[in-house]
Structures are given as structure tokens and as C-alpha cells.
Amino acid sequence: MFLAIGSNKGDRETLIRGALEGLRSGGFEVKELSPLYETSPVDCEEGTPSFLNGVIRGFWRETPESLLNLCQGLERRAGRPEKHSSRQSRELDLDIIIFGQKIIRTERLTIPHPRAAKRSFVLVPLHDLSPEAIFPDCGKTVAELLKNLPGSTGIEPYQH
């Protein structure tokens, strides 16, 4: 299973490392973190700073909903308000991208993530970890989706 992680506010790298520890403490088994990428904001307010984005491969024994609760709790602890716009800057953003072969569509949770297959800031780091991972809703691999993505501009390897 894969989570997307990002930050564009505060000490981004420290916030991401702290989120990894928080995930581990919450019972999420972090297997691997992709390389991090400096990415241009997508669908954000004008003047929004760039993001630091990556993807985490891991294992979760409980329900997708309980993982969502863990992720949202970590976002709030990092400073993200409970009520927020997706267009705002954020200290921490955690999204469940793929949860095995599950397809979930509820008011609170959509898996695979509804926009992940169209976003280079998710597909590029996901490709680094698992180019053959399949999005169960469309049946396409990460490599296929990335190859067909119109232009992957605004994403550069992060220089520490």
C-alpha cells in the first residue's frame, strides 16, 4: 500500500520525517520512502510556496478508515486546521493512494485517491518505488499512467 506525503509550510523535511515516526508509532509499518521532490503547487492559491513531496510504501493491519484517522491526526498535530481548503498551504499532507486492490468510495474516503493518477507529484515518486503497482480502479500500472501524463513539469529531485 502507498501513501503520498507532502509539505509546503514550515521545516518541510523535518515535518515529513516526523510524520514517518508518527506513522510508525501509530502502527503503520513504513517499508520505504521514495526520494523527495520539490514540486510546483497544483490547484493552489496564487503565491503558494513549492511543496516537498514523496510516497511511502508500507503495511497496515487495520481498516483503511483507521489509517485515515491516523493520517488526519498526524496532519492536525503538525498544525493543519481541522477545517481547511485543499488550495491552502499545509505543514503536512498525507493521502492514502493505493490500499492493496481495494476500491472504496464513501463520503469520507476514496481509494484509490481520486486525483493521484493524474498528478506527477504522486506518480513520479510512486514510480521510483513501484512502477508496476496497479491502480485497481483503472487497471493501469504507475508506469503506464506516468507515460500517458501530459507533461511532468514542475517536479525536480529535492536537493538537501
N, C-alpha and C. Protein backbone atom coordinates (compact mmCIF):
# COMPACT_ATOMS: atom_id res chain seq x y z
N MET A 1 0.83 -1.18 0.00
CA MET A 1 0.00 0.00 0.00
C MET A 1 0.87 1.23 0.00
N PHE A 2 0.31 2.33 -0.47
CA PHE A 2 1.11 3.54 -0.67
C PHE A 2 0.39 4.77 -0.13
N LEU A 3 1.16 5.62 0.52
CA LEU A 3 0.69 6.92 0.99
C LEU A 3 1.49 8.01 0.29
N ALA A 4 0.83 9.10 -0.07
CA ALA A 4 1.54 10.29 -0.55
C ALA A 4 1.77 11.18 0.66
N ILE A 5 2.93 11.83 0.68
CA ILE A 5 3.25 12.74 1.78
C ILE A 5 3.79 14.03 1.19
N GLY A 6 3.38 15.14 1.78
CA GLY A 6 3.85 16.42 1.28
C GLY A 6 3.79 17.50 2.34
N SER A 7 4.53 18.57 2.08
CA SER A 7 4.56 19.72 2.98
C SER A 7 5.03 20.93 2.19
N ASN A 8 4.42 22.10 2.46
CA ASN A 8 4.92 23.32 1.84
C ASN A 8 4.93 24.49 2.83
N LYS A 9 4.95 24.17 4.10
CA LYS A 9 4.90 25.21 5.13
C LYS A 9 5.77 24.77 6.30
N GLY A 10 6.62 25.65 6.79
CA GLY A 10 7.48 25.29 7.91
C GLY A 10 8.71 24.54 7.43
N ASP A 11 9.33 23.79 8.33
CA ASP A 11 10.51 22.98 8.00
C ASP A 11 10.02 21.68 7.36
N ARG A 12 9.86 21.72 6.06
CA ARG A 12 9.19 20.63 5.34
C ARG A 12 9.83 19.27 5.56
N GLU A 13 11.14 19.20 5.46
CA GLU A 13 11.82 17.90 5.61
C GLU A 13 11.65 17.36 7.02
N THR A 14 11.77 18.22 8.02
CA THR A 14 11.59 17.78 9.42
C THR A 14 10.15 17.33 9.65
N LEU A 15 9.19 18.03 9.07
CA LEU A 15 7.78 17.63 9.22
C LEU A 15 7.53 16.27 8.58
N ILE A 16 8.13 16.02 7.43
CA ILE A 16 7.97 14.72 6.77
C ILE A 16 8.62 13.62 7.59
N ARG A 17 9.82 13.86 8.09
CA ARG A 17 10.49 12.85 8.93
C ARG A 17 9.67 12.59 10.20
N GLY A 18 9.12 13.64 10.79
CA GLY A 18 8.28 13.48 11.97
C GLY A 18 7.03 12.68 11.68
N ALA A 19 6.45 12.88 10.50
CA ALA A 19 5.27 12.12 10.11
C ALA A 19 5.59 10.63 9.96
N LEU A 20 6.77 10.32 9.43
CA LEU A 20 7.18 8.92 9.32
C LEU A 20 7.24 8.27 10.70
N GLU A 21 7.80 9.00 11.67
CA GLU A 21 7.86 8.48 13.04
C GLU A 21 6.46 8.33 13.62
N GLY A 22 5.60 9.31 13.35
CA GLY A 22 4.22 9.24 13.83
C GLY A 22 3.46 8.07 13.23
N LEU A 23 3.68 7.81 11.96
CA LEU A 23 3.05 6.65 11.32
C LEU A 23 3.52 5.36 11.98
N ARG A 24 4.84 5.26 12.20
CA ARG A 24 5.39 4.06 12.85
C ARG A 24 4.79 3.89 14.25
N SER A 25 4.76 4.98 15.01
CA SER A 25 4.21 4.92 16.38
C SER A 25 2.75 4.52 16.38
N GLY A 26 2.03 4.90 15.31
CA GLY A 26 0.61 4.58 15.21
C GLY A 26 0.32 3.19 14.68
N GLY A 27 1.37 2.41 14.37
CA GLY A 27 1.17 1.04 13.91
C GLY A 27 1.34 0.83 12.42
N PHE A 28 1.65 1.88 11.67
CA PHE A 28 1.88 1.73 10.24
C PHE A 28 3.32 1.27 10.05
N GLU A 29 3.50 0.19 9.32
CA GLU A 29 4.84 -0.33 9.06
C GLU A 29 5.42 0.35 7.82
N VAL A 30 6.32 1.30 8.04
CA VAL A 30 6.96 2.01 6.93
C VAL A 30 8.03 1.09 6.34
N LYS A 31 7.84 0.72 5.08
CA LYS A 31 8.83 -0.14 4.42
C LYS A 31 9.86 0.69 3.66
N GLU A 32 9.39 1.79 3.05
CA GLU A 32 10.30 2.56 2.20
C GLU A 32 9.71 3.94 1.92
N LEU A 33 10.60 4.93 1.88
CA LEU A 33 10.23 6.29 1.47
C LEU A 33 10.90 6.56 0.13
N SER A 34 10.14 7.05 -0.82
CA SER A 34 10.70 7.40 -2.12
C SER A 34 11.67 8.57 -1.96
N PRO A 35 12.46 8.85 -3.00
CA PRO A 35 13.17 10.13 -2.99
C PRO A 35 12.13 11.25 -2.89
N LEU A 36 12.54 12.36 -2.30
CA LEU A 36 11.65 13.52 -2.18
C LEU A 36 11.84 14.43 -3.39
N TYR A 37 10.77 15.12 -3.74
CA TYR A 37 10.78 16.02 -4.89
C TYR A 37 10.28 17.40 -4.50
N GLU A 38 10.91 18.40 -5.08
CA GLU A 38 10.47 19.79 -4.97
C GLU A 38 9.45 19.98 -6.09
N THR A 39 8.22 20.35 -5.74
CA THR A 39 7.17 20.40 -6.75
C THR A 39 6.42 21.73 -6.72
N SER A 40 6.02 22.15 -7.90
CA SER A 40 5.21 23.36 -8.02
C SER A 40 3.81 23.06 -7.49
N PRO A 41 3.17 24.03 -6.84
CA PRO A 41 1.81 23.82 -6.34
C PRO A 41 0.83 23.57 -7.50
N VAL A 42 -0.13 22.68 -7.27
CA VAL A 42 -1.17 22.37 -8.25
C VAL A 42 -2.51 22.70 -7.61
N ASP A 43 -3.34 23.44 -8.34
CA ASP A 43 -4.68 23.81 -7.85
C ASP A 43 -4.62 24.52 -6.51
N CYS A 44 -3.65 25.41 -6.33
CA CYS A 44 -3.49 26.15 -5.07
C CYS A 44 -3.63 27.64 -5.32
N GLU A 45 -3.76 28.38 -4.23
CA GLU A 45 -3.87 29.83 -4.32
C GLU A 45 -2.59 30.41 -4.93
N GLU A 46 -2.74 31.56 -5.59
CA GLU A 46 -1.58 32.23 -6.18
C GLU A 46 -0.58 32.58 -5.08
N GLY A 47 0.71 32.40 -5.37
CA GLY A 47 1.75 32.71 -4.40
C GLY A 47 2.04 31.58 -3.42
N THR A 48 1.40 30.44 -3.59
CA THR A 48 1.63 29.29 -2.71
C THR A 48 3.06 28.79 -2.90
N PRO A 49 3.81 28.57 -1.79
CA PRO A 49 5.18 28.07 -1.93
C PRO A 49 5.21 26.64 -2.47
N SER A 50 6.38 26.25 -2.99
CA SER A 50 6.53 24.90 -3.53
C SER A 50 6.40 23.85 -2.43
N PHE A 51 6.08 22.65 -2.86
CA PHE A 51 5.91 21.52 -1.96
C PHE A 51 7.14 20.64 -1.98
N LEU A 52 7.31 19.90 -0.91
CA LEU A 52 8.23 18.78 -0.85
C LEU A 52 7.32 17.56 -0.82
N ASN A 53 7.43 16.68 -1.83
CA ASN A 53 6.53 15.54 -1.95
C ASN A 53 7.30 14.23 -2.07
N GLY A 54 6.67 13.17 -1.60
CA GLY A 54 7.20 11.83 -1.73
C GLY A 54 6.08 10.82 -1.57
N VAL A 55 6.45 9.55 -1.63
CA VAL A 55 5.50 8.45 -1.45
C VAL A 55 6.11 7.45 -0.49
N ILE A 56 5.26 6.91 0.37
CA ILE A 56 5.67 5.91 1.36
C ILE A 56 5.06 4.57 0.98
N ARG A 57 5.88 3.54 0.94
CA ARG A 57 5.37 2.17 0.80
C ARG A 57 5.30 1.60 2.21
N GLY A 58 4.19 0.95 2.54
CA GLY A 58 4.07 0.41 3.88
C GLY A 58 3.03 -0.67 4.00
N PHE A 59 2.78 -1.03 5.25
CA PHE A 59 1.81 -2.09 5.56
C PHE A 59 0.97 -1.65 6.74
N TRP A 60 -0.33 -1.90 6.65
CA TRP A 60 -1.29 -1.53 7.69
C TRP A 60 -2.20 -2.71 7.94
N ARG A 61 -2.30 -3.14 9.19
CA ARG A 61 -3.09 -4.32 9.53
C ARG A 61 -4.57 -4.02 9.74
N GLU A 62 -4.90 -2.77 9.94
CA GLU A 62 -6.29 -2.42 10.28
C GLU A 62 -7.05 -1.92 9.06
N THR A 63 -8.17 -1.25 9.30
CA THR A 63 -9.03 -0.80 8.20
C THR A 63 -8.47 0.46 7.53
N PRO A 64 -8.88 0.70 6.29
CA PRO A 64 -8.50 1.95 5.64
C PRO A 64 -8.98 3.18 6.43
N GLU A 65 -10.16 3.08 7.02
CA GLU A 65 -10.70 4.20 7.80
C GLU A 65 -9.84 4.50 9.02
N SER A 66 -9.31 3.47 9.66
CA SER A 66 -8.45 3.71 10.82
C SER A 66 -7.11 4.32 10.39
N LEU A 67 -6.64 3.97 9.20
CA LEU A 67 -5.43 4.60 8.67
C LEU A 67 -5.70 6.07 8.35
N LEU A 68 -6.87 6.36 7.79
CA LEU A 68 -7.25 7.75 7.54
C LEU A 68 -7.26 8.55 8.84
N ASN A 69 -7.80 7.96 9.91
CA ASN A 69 -7.81 8.63 11.22
C ASN A 69 -6.39 8.94 11.69
N LEU A 70 -5.49 7.97 11.55
CA LEU A 70 -4.09 8.18 11.94
C LEU A 70 -3.48 9.32 11.12
N CYS A 71 -3.67 9.30 9.81
CA CYS A 71 -3.10 10.33 8.94
C CYS A 71 -3.64 11.71 9.28
N GLN A 72 -4.94 11.81 9.48
CA GLN A 72 -5.53 13.11 9.81
C GLN A 72 -5.09 13.60 11.18
N GLY A 73 -4.91 12.69 12.11
CA GLY A 73 -4.39 13.08 13.43
C GLY A 73 -2.98 13.63 13.33
N LEU A 74 -2.14 13.01 12.51
CA LEU A 74 -0.77 13.50 12.31
C LEU A 74 -0.77 14.86 11.62
N GLU A 75 -1.66 15.04 10.66
CA GLU A 75 -1.77 16.34 9.99
C GLU A 75 -2.14 17.43 11.00
N ARG A 76 -3.11 17.16 11.85
CA ARG A 76 -3.53 18.14 12.86
C ARG A 76 -2.41 18.44 13.84
N ARG A 77 -1.70 17.40 14.29
CA ARG A 77 -0.58 17.62 15.22
C ARG A 77 0.52 18.46 14.60
N ALA A 78 0.67 18.38 13.28
CA ALA A 78 1.69 19.18 12.59
C ALA A 78 1.23 20.62 12.39
N GLY A 79 -0.05 20.89 12.67
CA GLY A 79 -0.54 22.26 12.58
C GLY A 79 -1.62 22.52 11.56
N ARG A 80 -2.07 21.48 10.87
CA ARG A 80 -3.12 21.68 9.86
C ARG A 80 -4.47 21.83 10.55
N PRO A 81 -5.22 22.89 10.25
CA PRO A 81 -6.52 23.05 10.89
C PRO A 81 -7.49 21.95 10.46
N GLU A 82 -8.43 21.61 11.35
CA GLU A 82 -9.39 20.56 11.03
C GLU A 82 -10.22 20.94 9.80
N LYS A 83 -10.64 22.19 9.74
CA LYS A 83 -11.37 22.69 8.56
C LYS A 83 -10.36 23.45 7.71
N HIS A 84 -10.15 22.98 6.49
CA HIS A 84 -9.15 23.59 5.63
C HIS A 84 -9.55 23.43 4.17
N SER A 85 -9.00 24.28 3.35
CA SER A 85 -9.22 24.21 1.91
C SER A 85 -8.06 23.43 1.30
N SER A 86 -8.36 22.65 0.28
CA SER A 86 -7.28 21.91 -0.40
C SER A 86 -6.36 22.85 -1.17
N ARG A 87 -6.75 24.11 -1.30
CA ARG A 87 -5.93 25.10 -2.01
C ARG A 87 -4.95 25.83 -1.10
N GLN A 88 -5.00 25.56 0.21
CA GLN A 88 -4.16 26.26 1.17
C GLN A 88 -2.82 25.55 1.38
N SER A 89 -1.83 26.34 1.83
CA SER A 89 -0.55 25.76 2.25
C SER A 89 -0.79 24.88 3.46
N ARG A 90 0.10 23.89 3.64
CA ARG A 90 -0.06 23.00 4.78
C ARG A 90 1.28 22.47 5.25
N GLU A 91 1.35 22.33 6.57
CA GLU A 91 2.56 21.76 7.17
C GLU A 91 2.73 20.31 6.77
N LEU A 92 1.61 19.59 6.69
CA LEU A 92 1.68 18.16 6.38
C LEU A 92 0.43 17.74 5.65
N ASP A 93 0.63 16.95 4.60
CA ASP A 93 -0.48 16.38 3.85
C ASP A 93 -0.18 14.90 3.65
N LEU A 94 -1.06 14.05 4.13
CA LEU A 94 -0.93 12.60 3.97
C LEU A 94 -2.18 12.09 3.27
N ASP A 95 -2.00 11.36 2.18
CA ASP A 95 -3.13 10.80 1.44
C ASP A 95 -2.89 9.32 1.18
N ILE A 96 -3.94 8.53 1.35
CA ILE A 96 -3.88 7.11 1.01
C ILE A 96 -4.06 7.04 -0.51
N ILE A 97 -3.06 6.54 -1.20
CA ILE A 97 -3.10 6.47 -2.66
C ILE A 97 -3.65 5.12 -3.12
N ILE A 98 -3.02 4.06 -2.68
CA ILE A 98 -3.45 2.70 -3.03
C ILE A 98 -3.44 1.87 -1.76
N PHE A 99 -4.51 1.12 -1.52
CA PHE A 99 -4.62 0.24 -0.36
C PHE A 99 -4.90 -1.16 -0.90
N GLY A 100 -3.82 -1.85 -1.30
CA GLY A 100 -3.98 -3.17 -1.92
C GLY A 100 -4.81 -3.03 -3.19
N GLN A 101 -5.76 -3.91 -3.35
CA GLN A 101 -6.65 -3.86 -4.52
C GLN A 101 -8.02 -3.29 -4.17
N LYS A 102 -8.11 -2.65 -2.99
CA LYS A 102 -9.39 -2.10 -2.55
C LYS A 102 -9.80 -0.89 -3.38
N ILE A 103 -11.10 -0.85 -3.66
CA ILE A 103 -11.74 0.33 -4.24
C ILE A 103 -12.79 0.76 -3.24
N ILE A 104 -12.62 1.95 -2.69
CA ILE A 104 -13.52 2.45 -1.65
C ILE A 104 -14.05 3.81 -2.09
N ARG A 105 -15.35 3.98 -2.01
CA ARG A 105 -15.99 5.25 -2.34
C ARG A 105 -17.02 5.56 -1.26
N THR A 106 -16.59 6.30 -0.25
CA THR A 106 -17.52 6.73 0.79
C THR A 106 -17.45 8.25 0.87
N GLU A 107 -18.31 8.83 1.68
CA GLU A 107 -18.31 10.29 1.84
C GLU A 107 -16.97 10.77 2.39
N ARG A 108 -16.35 9.96 3.22
CA ARG A 108 -15.13 10.36 3.93
C ARG A 108 -13.85 9.90 3.25
N LEU A 109 -13.92 8.86 2.44
CA LEU A 109 -12.70 8.22 1.95
C LEU A 109 -12.90 7.69 0.53
N THR A 110 -11.95 8.01 -0.34
CA THR A 110 -11.95 7.48 -1.71
C THR A 110 -10.57 6.87 -1.97
N ILE A 111 -10.58 5.57 -2.27
CA ILE A 111 -9.34 4.84 -2.58
C ILE A 111 -9.60 4.03 -3.85
N PRO A 112 -8.69 4.08 -4.83
CA PRO A 112 -7.51 4.90 -4.91
C PRO A 112 -7.86 6.39 -4.84
N HIS A 113 -6.87 7.17 -4.41
CA HIS A 113 -7.08 8.61 -4.30
C HIS A 113 -7.57 9.13 -5.66
N PRO A 114 -8.63 9.94 -5.66
CA PRO A 114 -9.28 10.31 -6.92
C PRO A 114 -8.42 11.10 -7.91
N ARG A 115 -7.41 11.82 -7.47
CA ARG A 115 -6.61 12.62 -8.40
C ARG A 115 -5.18 12.11 -8.55
N ALA A 116 -4.81 11.08 -7.83
CA ALA A 116 -3.42 10.61 -7.83
C ALA A 116 -2.93 10.19 -9.21
N ALA A 117 -3.78 9.54 -9.99
CA ALA A 117 -3.37 9.02 -11.29
C ALA A 117 -3.11 10.13 -12.32
N LYS A 118 -3.43 11.37 -11.96
CA LYS A 118 -3.24 12.49 -12.89
C LYS A 118 -2.21 13.49 -12.39
N ARG A 119 -1.51 13.16 -11.32
CA ARG A 119 -0.59 14.12 -10.71
C ARG A 119 0.85 13.60 -10.71
N SER A 120 1.71 14.34 -11.38
CA SER A 120 3.11 13.92 -11.47
C SER A 120 3.77 13.89 -10.10
N PHE A 121 3.35 14.79 -9.18
CA PHE A 121 3.99 14.81 -7.86
C PHE A 121 3.65 13.58 -7.03
N VAL A 122 2.67 12.79 -7.47
CA VAL A 122 2.40 11.49 -6.86
C VAL A 122 3.01 10.38 -7.71
N LEU A 123 2.78 10.42 -9.01
CA LEU A 123 3.22 9.32 -9.88
C LEU A 123 4.73 9.18 -9.98
N VAL A 124 5.47 10.29 -10.02
CA VAL A 124 6.93 10.19 -10.15
C VAL A 124 7.55 9.49 -8.94
N PRO A 125 7.27 9.93 -7.69
CA PRO A 125 7.85 9.19 -6.56
C PRO A 125 7.28 7.78 -6.40
N LEU A 126 6.01 7.58 -6.77
CA LEU A 126 5.43 6.24 -6.72
C LEU A 126 6.13 5.34 -7.73
N HIS A 127 6.45 5.87 -8.89
CA HIS A 127 7.19 5.12 -9.91
C HIS A 127 8.57 4.72 -9.40
N ASP A 128 9.21 5.59 -8.61
CA ASP A 128 10.52 5.26 -8.03
C ASP A 128 10.43 4.01 -7.17
N LEU A 129 9.32 3.84 -6.47
CA LEU A 129 9.16 2.69 -5.57
C LEU A 129 8.59 1.47 -6.26
N SER A 130 7.62 1.67 -7.16
CA SER A 130 6.91 0.53 -7.71
C SER A 130 6.25 0.88 -9.05
N PRO A 131 7.03 0.87 -10.14
CA PRO A 131 6.46 1.23 -11.44
C PRO A 131 5.35 0.28 -11.89
N GLU A 132 5.35 -0.94 -11.36
CA GLU A 132 4.35 -1.93 -11.78
C GLU A 132 3.13 -1.98 -10.84
N ALA A 133 3.10 -1.13 -9.82
CA ALA A 133 1.90 -1.07 -8.96
C ALA A 133 0.70 -0.72 -9.83
N ILE A 134 -0.42 -1.33 -9.52
CA ILE A 134 -1.63 -1.15 -10.33
C ILE A 134 -2.66 -0.34 -9.56
N PHE A 135 -3.23 0.64 -10.25
CA PHE A 135 -4.38 1.36 -9.71
C PHE A 135 -5.60 0.48 -9.98
N PRO A 136 -6.22 -0.08 -8.93
CA PRO A 136 -7.28 -1.05 -9.15
C PRO A 136 -8.53 -0.50 -9.83
N ASP A 137 -8.76 0.80 -9.76
CA ASP A 137 -9.96 1.35 -10.37
C ASP A 137 -9.86 1.44 -11.90
N CYS A 138 -8.64 1.61 -12.42
CA CYS A 138 -8.49 1.71 -13.88
C CYS A 138 -7.70 0.54 -14.46
N GLY A 139 -7.04 -0.25 -13.60
CA GLY A 139 -6.28 -1.40 -14.06
C GLY A 139 -4.95 -1.06 -14.72
N LYS A 140 -4.52 0.19 -14.60
CA LYS A 140 -3.26 0.60 -15.23
C LYS A 140 -2.14 0.66 -14.20
N THR A 141 -0.92 0.40 -14.69
CA THR A 141 0.25 0.49 -13.81
C THR A 141 0.67 1.95 -13.66
N VAL A 142 1.48 2.19 -12.65
CA VAL A 142 2.03 3.53 -12.44
C VAL A 142 2.83 3.95 -13.67
N ALA A 143 3.62 3.03 -14.22
CA ALA A 143 4.43 3.34 -15.41
C ALA A 143 3.54 3.76 -16.58
N GLU A 144 2.44 3.06 -16.80
CA GLU A 144 1.52 3.41 -17.89
C GLU A 144 0.91 4.79 -17.67
N LEU A 145 0.46 5.04 -16.45
CA LEU A 145 -0.16 6.33 -16.15
C LEU A 145 0.84 7.47 -16.31
N LEU A 146 2.06 7.27 -15.84
CA LEU A 146 3.08 8.31 -15.93
C LEU A 146 3.45 8.58 -17.39
N LYS A 147 3.56 7.52 -18.18
CA LYS A 147 3.90 7.66 -19.60
C LYS A 147 2.84 8.47 -20.35
N ASN A 148 1.59 8.31 -19.96
CA ASN A 148 0.49 8.99 -20.64
C ASN A 148 0.12 10.33 -20.02
N LEU A 149 0.85 10.73 -18.99
CA LEU A 149 0.56 12.01 -18.33
C LEU A 149 1.06 13.15 -19.21
N PRO A 150 0.20 14.11 -19.53
CA PRO A 150 0.66 15.21 -20.38
C PRO A 150 1.58 16.15 -19.60
N GLY A 151 2.86 16.05 -19.87
CA GLY A 151 3.85 16.95 -19.26
C GLY A 151 4.02 16.78 -17.77
N SER A 152 5.20 16.43 -17.35
CA SER A 152 5.52 16.30 -15.92
C SER A 152 6.41 17.46 -15.50
N THR A 153 5.95 18.67 -15.76
CA THR A 153 6.74 19.84 -15.39
C THR A 153 6.50 20.19 -13.93
N GLY A 154 7.40 20.99 -13.40
CA GLY A 154 7.22 21.46 -12.04
C GLY A 154 7.59 20.46 -10.97
N ILE A 155 8.42 19.47 -11.33
CA ILE A 155 8.87 18.48 -10.34
C ILE A 155 10.36 18.23 -10.55
N GLU A 156 11.13 18.45 -9.48
CA GLU A 156 12.58 18.30 -9.53
C GLU A 156 13.04 17.51 -8.30
N PRO A 157 14.08 16.67 -8.44
CA PRO A 157 14.61 15.98 -7.26
C PRO A 157 15.00 17.01 -6.19
N TYR A 158 14.69 16.69 -4.95
CA TYR A 158 14.98 17.58 -3.83
C TYR A 158 16.46 17.53 -3.51
N GLN A 159 17.07 18.70 -3.41
CA GLN A 159 18.48 18.81 -3.04
C GLN A 159 18.55 19.21 -1.57
N HIS A 160 18.97 18.31 -0.71
CA HIS A 160 19.01 18.56 0.74
C HIS A 160 19.88 19.74 1.07
